[in-house]
Amino acid sequence: MFARRSACERARREGASRCVRRFVPFLVRDLVIATAALVVVMFDARARAAGSSSTGDVWLGVLSGALVTLVAFIAHEWGHLAGALRSGGIARPPRTLASVFLFEFDQKASTREQFLAMSVGGYLASILAVIAIACWIEVRSPSGITTLALAGTGIALTFALELPQTWKVYRRA
């Protein structure tokens, strides 16, 4: 863990490229997930356009909605990472590709401003994802209902878990 920290600290002084490279496997992972989501969404849209409402097509819609929400969550995480790295904060990739979160932010080695930049990056990505969802989902379809339910849950969790901490740091409490 010490070597990771010093490599990222050197990267902060020399430019973030060394630290960013450590996230390439996660970028590939997330692009594979986004591509799979796009394929499922296309099959779902095709089934809805054909007027199909079989049980399999309903489950395809539910899967489509879940994957759209997963991609929105991934965008949220990448937004946090972009804010962290752009501000020079210390962000470490997780030890495994199976990790739910994209990185660990070192609050002790980073400044208040870097923490706030990391936080705002995720919030901005979430806002863009919600706008995209609102523009493109068909609300009365299984995929739309699933997306709205899961995205709403994600927004509620963000308000409950992330915003209080950001507000506390912002207020210097």
C-alpha atoms as a PDB file:
ATOM      1  CA  MET A   1       0.000   0.000   0.000  1.00  0.00           C
ATOM      2  CA  PHE A   2       2.892   2.386   0.738  1.00  0.00           C
ATOM      3  CA  ALA A   3       4.261   1.939  -2.801  1.00  0.00           C
ATOM      4  CA  ARG A   4       0.866   2.812  -4.265  1.00  0.00           C
ATOM      5  CA  ARG A   5       0.666   5.961  -2.208  1.00  0.00           C
ATOM      6  CA  SER A   6       4.158   7.136  -3.141  1.00  0.00           C
ATOM      7  CA  ALA A   7       3.558   6.384  -6.831  1.00  0.00           C
ATOM      8  CA  CYS A   8       0.390   8.472  -6.787  1.00  0.00           C
ATOM      9  CA  GLU A   9       2.091  11.235  -4.826  1.00  0.00           C
ATOM     10  CA  ARG A  10       4.907  11.334  -7.394  1.00  0.00           C
ATOM     11  CA  ALA A  11       2.269  11.308 -10.124  1.00  0.00           C
ATOM     12  CA  ARG A  12       0.578  14.293  -8.516  1.00  0.00           C
ATOM     13  CA  ARG A  13       3.854  16.211  -8.691  1.00  0.00           C
ATOM     14  CA  GLU A  14       4.785  14.994 -12.184  1.00  0.00           C
ATOM     15  CA  GLY A  15       1.305  14.980 -13.658  1.00  0.00           C
ATOM     16  CA  ALA A  16      -1.516  12.565 -13.047  1.00  0.00           C
ATOM     17  CA  SER A  17      -0.805  10.227 -15.984  1.00  0.00           C
ATOM     18  CA  ARG A  18       0.979   7.595 -13.871  1.00  0.00           C
ATOM     19  CA  CYS A  19      -1.895   7.444 -11.413  1.00  0.00           C
ATOM     20  CA  VAL A  20      -4.505   7.449 -14.186  1.00  0.00           C
ATOM     21  CA  ARG A  21      -2.888   4.422 -15.848  1.00  0.00           C
ATOM     22  CA  ARG A  22      -3.644   2.377 -12.762  1.00  0.00           C
ATOM     23  CA  PHE A  23      -7.350   2.737 -13.554  1.00  0.00           C
ATOM     24  CA  VAL A  24      -7.167   1.386 -17.127  1.00  0.00           C
ATOM     25  CA  PRO A  25      -8.329  -2.132 -16.132  1.00  0.00           C
ATOM     26  CA  PHE A  26     -11.374  -0.543 -14.483  1.00  0.00           C
ATOM     27  CA  LEU A  27     -12.019   1.555 -17.589  1.00  0.00           C
ATOM     28  CA  VAL A  28     -11.972  -1.603 -19.712  1.00  0.00           C
ATOM     29  CA  ARG A  29     -14.268  -3.357 -17.225  1.00  0.00           C
ATOM     30  CA  ASP A  30     -16.721  -0.473 -17.255  1.00  0.00           C
ATOM     31  CA  LEU A  31     -16.670  -0.138 -21.049  1.00  0.00           C
ATOM     32  CA  VAL A  32     -17.510  -3.858 -21.310  1.00  0.00           C
ATOM     33  CA  ILE A  33     -20.421  -3.342 -18.899  1.00  0.00           C
ATOM     34  CA  ALA A  34     -21.628  -0.282 -20.832  1.00  0.00           C
ATOM     35  CA  THR A  35     -21.406  -2.174 -24.132  1.00  0.00           C
ATOM     36  CA  ALA A  36     -23.352  -5.107 -22.714  1.00  0.00           C
ATOM     37  CA  ALA A  37     -25.949  -2.669 -21.381  1.00  0.00           C
ATOM     38  CA  LEU A  38     -26.256  -1.053 -24.813  1.00  0.00           C
ATOM     39  CA  VAL A  39     -26.807  -4.437 -26.478  1.00  0.00           C
ATOM     40  CA  VAL A  40     -29.516  -5.366 -23.948  1.00  0.00           C
ATOM     41  CA  VAL A  41     -31.167  -1.942 -24.321  1.00  0.00           C
ATOM     42  CA  MET A  42     -31.214  -2.405 -28.113  1.00  0.00           C
ATOM     43  CA  PHE A  43     -32.841  -5.843 -27.818  1.00  0.00           C
ATOM     44  CA  ASP A  44     -35.363  -4.403 -25.364  1.00  0.00           C
ATOM     45  CA  ALA A  45     -36.181  -1.506 -27.685  1.00  0.00           C
ATOM     46  CA  ARG A  46     -36.584  -3.916 -30.582  1.00  0.00           C
ATOM     47  CA  ALA A  47     -38.969  -6.112 -28.565  1.00  0.00           C
ATOM     48  CA  ARG A  48     -41.025  -3.076 -27.513  1.00  0.00           C
ATOM     49  CA  ALA A  49     -41.150  -1.771 -31.086  1.00  0.00           C
ATOM     50  CA  ALA A  50     -42.483  -5.153 -32.207  1.00  0.00           C
ATOM     51  CA  GLY A  51     -45.200  -4.914 -29.554  1.00  0.00           C
ATOM     52  CA  SER A  52     -44.014  -8.018 -27.785  1.00  0.00           C
ATOM     53  CA  SER A  53     -45.084  -8.414 -24.159  1.00  0.00           C
ATOM     54  CA  SER A  54     -44.073 -11.958 -23.334  1.00  0.00           C
ATOM     55  CA  THR A  55     -42.699 -12.810 -19.912  1.00  0.00           C
ATOM     56  CA  GLY A  56     -39.216 -13.050 -21.414  1.00  0.00           C
ATOM     57  CA  ASP A  57     -39.544  -9.580 -22.915  1.00  0.00           C
ATOM     58  CA  VAL A  58     -40.718  -8.148 -19.602  1.00  0.00           C
ATOM     59  CA  TRP A  59     -37.641  -9.623 -17.902  1.00  0.00           C
ATOM     60  CA  LEU A  60     -35.502  -8.281 -20.743  1.00  0.00           C
ATOM     61  CA  GLY A  61     -36.939  -4.843 -19.941  1.00  0.00           C
ATOM     62  CA  VAL A  62     -36.179  -5.249 -16.246  1.00  0.00           C
ATOM     63  CA  LEU A  63     -32.608  -6.293 -17.073  1.00  0.00           C
ATOM     64  CA  SER A  64     -32.322  -3.340 -19.447  1.00  0.00           C
ATOM     65  CA  GLY A  65     -33.464  -0.914 -16.754  1.00  0.00           C
ATOM     66  CA  ALA A  66     -31.094  -2.400 -14.203  1.00  0.00           C
ATOM     67  CA  LEU A  67     -28.154  -2.139 -16.588  1.00  0.00           C
ATOM     68  CA  VAL A  68     -28.981   1.470 -17.492  1.00  0.00           C
ATOM     69  CA  THR A  69     -28.964   2.299 -13.790  1.00  0.00           C
ATOM     70  CA  LEU A  70     -25.682   0.425 -13.318  1.00  0.00           C
ATOM     71  CA  VAL A  71     -24.127   2.493 -16.117  1.00  0.00           C
ATOM     72  CA  ALA A  72     -25.401   5.660 -14.405  1.00  0.00           C
ATOM     73  CA  PHE A  73     -23.753   4.509 -11.156  1.00  0.00           C
ATOM     74  CA  ILE A  74     -20.515   3.810 -13.037  1.00  0.00           C
ATOM     75  CA  ALA A  75     -20.672   7.321 -14.527  1.00  0.00           C
ATOM     76  CA  HIS A  76     -21.163   8.691 -10.997  1.00  0.00           C
ATOM     77  CA  GLU A  77     -18.035   6.859  -9.817  1.00  0.00           C
ATOM     78  CA  TRP A  78     -15.965   8.041 -12.797  1.00  0.00           C
ATOM     79  CA  GLY A  79     -17.169  11.579 -12.095  1.00  0.00           C
ATOM     80  CA  HIS A  80     -15.874  11.287  -8.540  1.00  0.00           C
ATOM     81  CA  LEU A  81     -12.548   9.963  -9.836  1.00  0.00           C
ATOM     82  CA  ALA A  82     -12.263  12.741 -12.435  1.00  0.00           C
ATOM     83  CA  GLY A  83     -12.845  15.337  -9.733  1.00  0.00           C
ATOM     84  CA  ALA A  84     -10.310  13.712  -7.447  1.00  0.00           C
ATOM     85  CA  LEU A  85      -7.575  13.399 -10.069  1.00  0.00           C
ATOM     86  CA  ARG A  86      -8.269  16.791 -11.662  1.00  0.00           C
ATOM     87  CA  SER A  87      -7.830  18.478  -8.285  1.00  0.00           C
ATOM     88  CA  GLY A  88      -4.676  16.507  -7.465  1.00  0.00           C
ATOM     89  CA  GLY A  89      -6.294  14.412  -4.742  1.00  0.00           C
ATOM     90  CA  ILE A  90      -4.942  10.983  -3.889  1.00  0.00           C
ATOM     91  CA  ALA A  91      -7.133   8.214  -5.303  1.00  0.00           C
ATOM     92  CA  ARG A  92      -6.155   4.552  -5.213  1.00  0.00           C
ATOM     93  CA  PRO A  93      -7.762   1.837  -7.306  1.00  0.00           C
ATOM     94  CA  PRO A  94      -9.298  -1.063  -5.395  1.00  0.00           C
ATOM     95  CA  ARG A  95      -7.410  -4.329  -5.144  1.00  0.00           C
ATOM     96  CA  THR A  96      -9.887  -6.227  -7.321  1.00  0.00           C
ATOM     97  CA  LEU A  97     -11.949  -5.592 -10.449  1.00  0.00           C
ATOM     98  CA  ALA A  98     -14.951  -6.986  -8.565  1.00  0.00           C
ATOM     99  CA  SER A  99     -15.016  -3.940  -6.294  1.00  0.00           C
ATOM    100  CA  VAL A 100     -18.270  -1.973  -6.312  1.00  0.00           C
ATOM    101  CA  PHE A 101     -16.454   1.327  -5.954  1.00  0.00           C
ATOM    102  CA  LEU A 102     -13.922   2.644  -8.447  1.00  0.00           C
ATOM    103  CA  PHE A 103     -11.373   4.017  -6.012  1.00  0.00           C
ATOM    104  CA  GLU A 104     -10.441   4.844  -2.457  1.00  0.00           C
ATOM    105  CA  PHE A 105      -9.960   8.540  -1.759  1.00  0.00           C
ATOM    106  CA  ASP A 106      -7.216   9.296   0.737  1.00  0.00           C
ATOM    107  CA  GLN A 107      -8.788  11.998   2.891  1.00  0.00           C
ATOM    108  CA  LYS A 108      -5.729  12.331   5.104  1.00  0.00           C
ATOM    109  CA  ALA A 109      -3.327  12.974   2.204  1.00  0.00           C
ATOM    110  CA  SER A 110      -5.761  15.192   0.291  1.00  0.00           C
ATOM    111  CA  THR A 111      -6.976  18.691   1.017  1.00  0.00           C
ATOM    112  CA  ARG A 112     -10.490  19.895   1.774  1.00  0.00           C
ATOM    113  CA  GLU A 113     -10.682  21.448  -1.708  1.00  0.00           C
ATOM    114  CA  GLN A 114      -9.646  18.154  -3.304  1.00  0.00           C
ATOM    115  CA  PHE A 115     -12.331  16.321  -1.340  1.00  0.00           C
ATOM    116  CA  LEU A 116     -14.949  18.826  -2.469  1.00  0.00           C
ATOM    117  CA  ALA A 117     -13.775  18.564  -6.104  1.00  0.00           C
ATOM    118  CA  MET A 118     -14.012  14.767  -5.876  1.00  0.00           C
ATOM    119  CA  SER A 119     -17.522  15.028  -4.436  1.00  0.00           C
ATOM    120  CA  VAL A 120     -18.778  17.551  -6.981  1.00  0.00           C
ATOM    121  CA  GLY A 121     -17.396  15.470  -9.859  1.00  0.00           C
ATOM    122  CA  GLY A 122     -19.649  12.566  -8.885  1.00  0.00           C
ATOM    123  CA  TYR A 123     -22.663  14.805  -8.404  1.00  0.00           C
ATOM    124  CA  LEU A 124     -22.200  16.418 -11.829  1.00  0.00           C
ATOM    125  CA  ALA A 125     -21.896  13.010 -13.491  1.00  0.00           C
ATOM    126  CA  SER A 126     -25.070  11.908 -11.694  1.00  0.00           C
ATOM    127  CA  ILE A 127     -26.963  14.970 -12.876  1.00  0.00           C
ATOM    128  CA  LEU A 128     -25.918  14.263 -16.469  1.00  0.00           C
ATOM    129  CA  ALA A 129     -26.947  10.610 -16.096  1.00  0.00           C
ATOM    130  CA  VAL A 130     -30.358  11.576 -14.710  1.00  0.00           C
ATOM    131  CA  ILE A 131     -30.875  14.019 -17.594  1.00  0.00           C
ATOM    132  CA  ALA A 132     -29.963  11.283 -20.083  1.00  0.00           C
ATOM    133  CA  ILE A 133     -32.319   8.835 -18.385  1.00  0.00           C
ATOM    134  CA  ALA A 134     -35.141  11.389 -18.370  1.00  0.00           C
ATOM    135  CA  CYS A 135     -34.648  12.105 -22.076  1.00  0.00           C
ATOM    136  CA  TRP A 136     -34.458   8.541 -23.333  1.00  0.00           C
ATOM    137  CA  ILE A 137     -36.446   6.142 -21.205  1.00  0.00           C
ATOM    138  CA  GLU A 138     -39.957   5.045 -21.994  1.00  0.00           C
ATOM    139  CA  VAL A 139     -41.578   5.560 -18.607  1.00  0.00           C
ATOM    140  CA  ARG A 140     -44.374   2.994 -18.937  1.00  0.00           C
ATOM    141  CA  SER A 141     -42.189   0.117 -20.088  1.00  0.00           C
ATOM    142  CA  PRO A 142     -40.644  -2.470 -17.742  1.00  0.00           C
ATOM    143  CA  SER A 143     -37.212  -0.990 -18.470  1.00  0.00           C
ATOM    144  CA  GLY A 144     -38.431   2.529 -17.715  1.00  0.00           C
ATOM    145  CA  ILE A 145     -40.128   1.519 -14.482  1.00  0.00           C
ATOM    146  CA  THR A 146     -37.036  -0.392 -13.356  1.00  0.00           C
ATOM    147  CA  THR A 147     -34.720   2.472 -14.293  1.00  0.00           C
ATOM    148  CA  LEU A 148     -36.857   5.015 -12.440  1.00  0.00           C
ATOM    149  CA  ALA A 149     -37.086   2.830  -9.340  1.00  0.00           C
ATOM    150  CA  LEU A 150     -33.372   2.028  -9.196  1.00  0.00           C
ATOM    151  CA  ALA A 151     -32.200   5.515 -10.184  1.00  0.00           C
ATOM    152  CA  GLY A 152     -34.531   6.991  -7.571  1.00  0.00           C
ATOM    153  CA  THR A 153     -33.027   4.657  -4.994  1.00  0.00           C
ATOM    154  CA  GLY A 154     -29.534   5.693  -6.082  1.00  0.00           C
ATOM    155  CA  ILE A 155     -30.405   9.367  -5.764  1.00  0.00           C
ATOM    156  CA  ALA A 156     -31.890   8.783  -2.318  1.00  0.00           C
ATOM    157  CA  LEU A 157     -28.742   6.934  -1.227  1.00  0.00           C
ATOM    158  CA  THR A 158     -26.570   9.754  -2.538  1.00  0.00           C
ATOM    159  CA  PHE A 159     -28.607  12.274  -0.556  1.00  0.00           C
ATOM    160  CA  ALA A 160     -28.468  10.106   2.561  1.00  0.00           C
ATOM    161  CA  LEU A 161     -24.855   8.898   2.441  1.00  0.00           C
ATOM    162  CA  GLU A 162     -22.761  11.318   0.409  1.00  0.00           C
ATOM    163  CA  LEU A 163     -24.265  14.782   0.675  1.00  0.00           C
ATOM    164  CA  PRO A 164     -24.093  15.003   4.497  1.00  0.00           C
ATOM    165  CA  GLN A 165     -20.385  14.243   4.422  1.00  0.00           C
ATOM    166  CA  THR A 166     -19.769  16.749   1.614  1.00  0.00           C
ATOM    167  CA  TRP A 167     -21.761  19.389   3.475  1.00  0.00           C
ATOM    168  CA  LYS A 168     -19.797  18.705   6.662  1.00  0.00           C
ATOM    169  CA  VAL A 169     -16.481  19.175   4.828  1.00  0.00           C
ATOM    170  CA  TYR A 170     -17.799  22.255   3.033  1.00  0.00           C
ATOM    171  CA  ARG A 171     -18.853  23.831   6.353  1.00  0.00           C
ATOM    172  CA  ARG A 172     -15.509  22.821   7.914  1.00  0.00           C
ATOM    173  CA  ALA A 173     -17.393  21.026  10.673  1.00  0.00           C
END
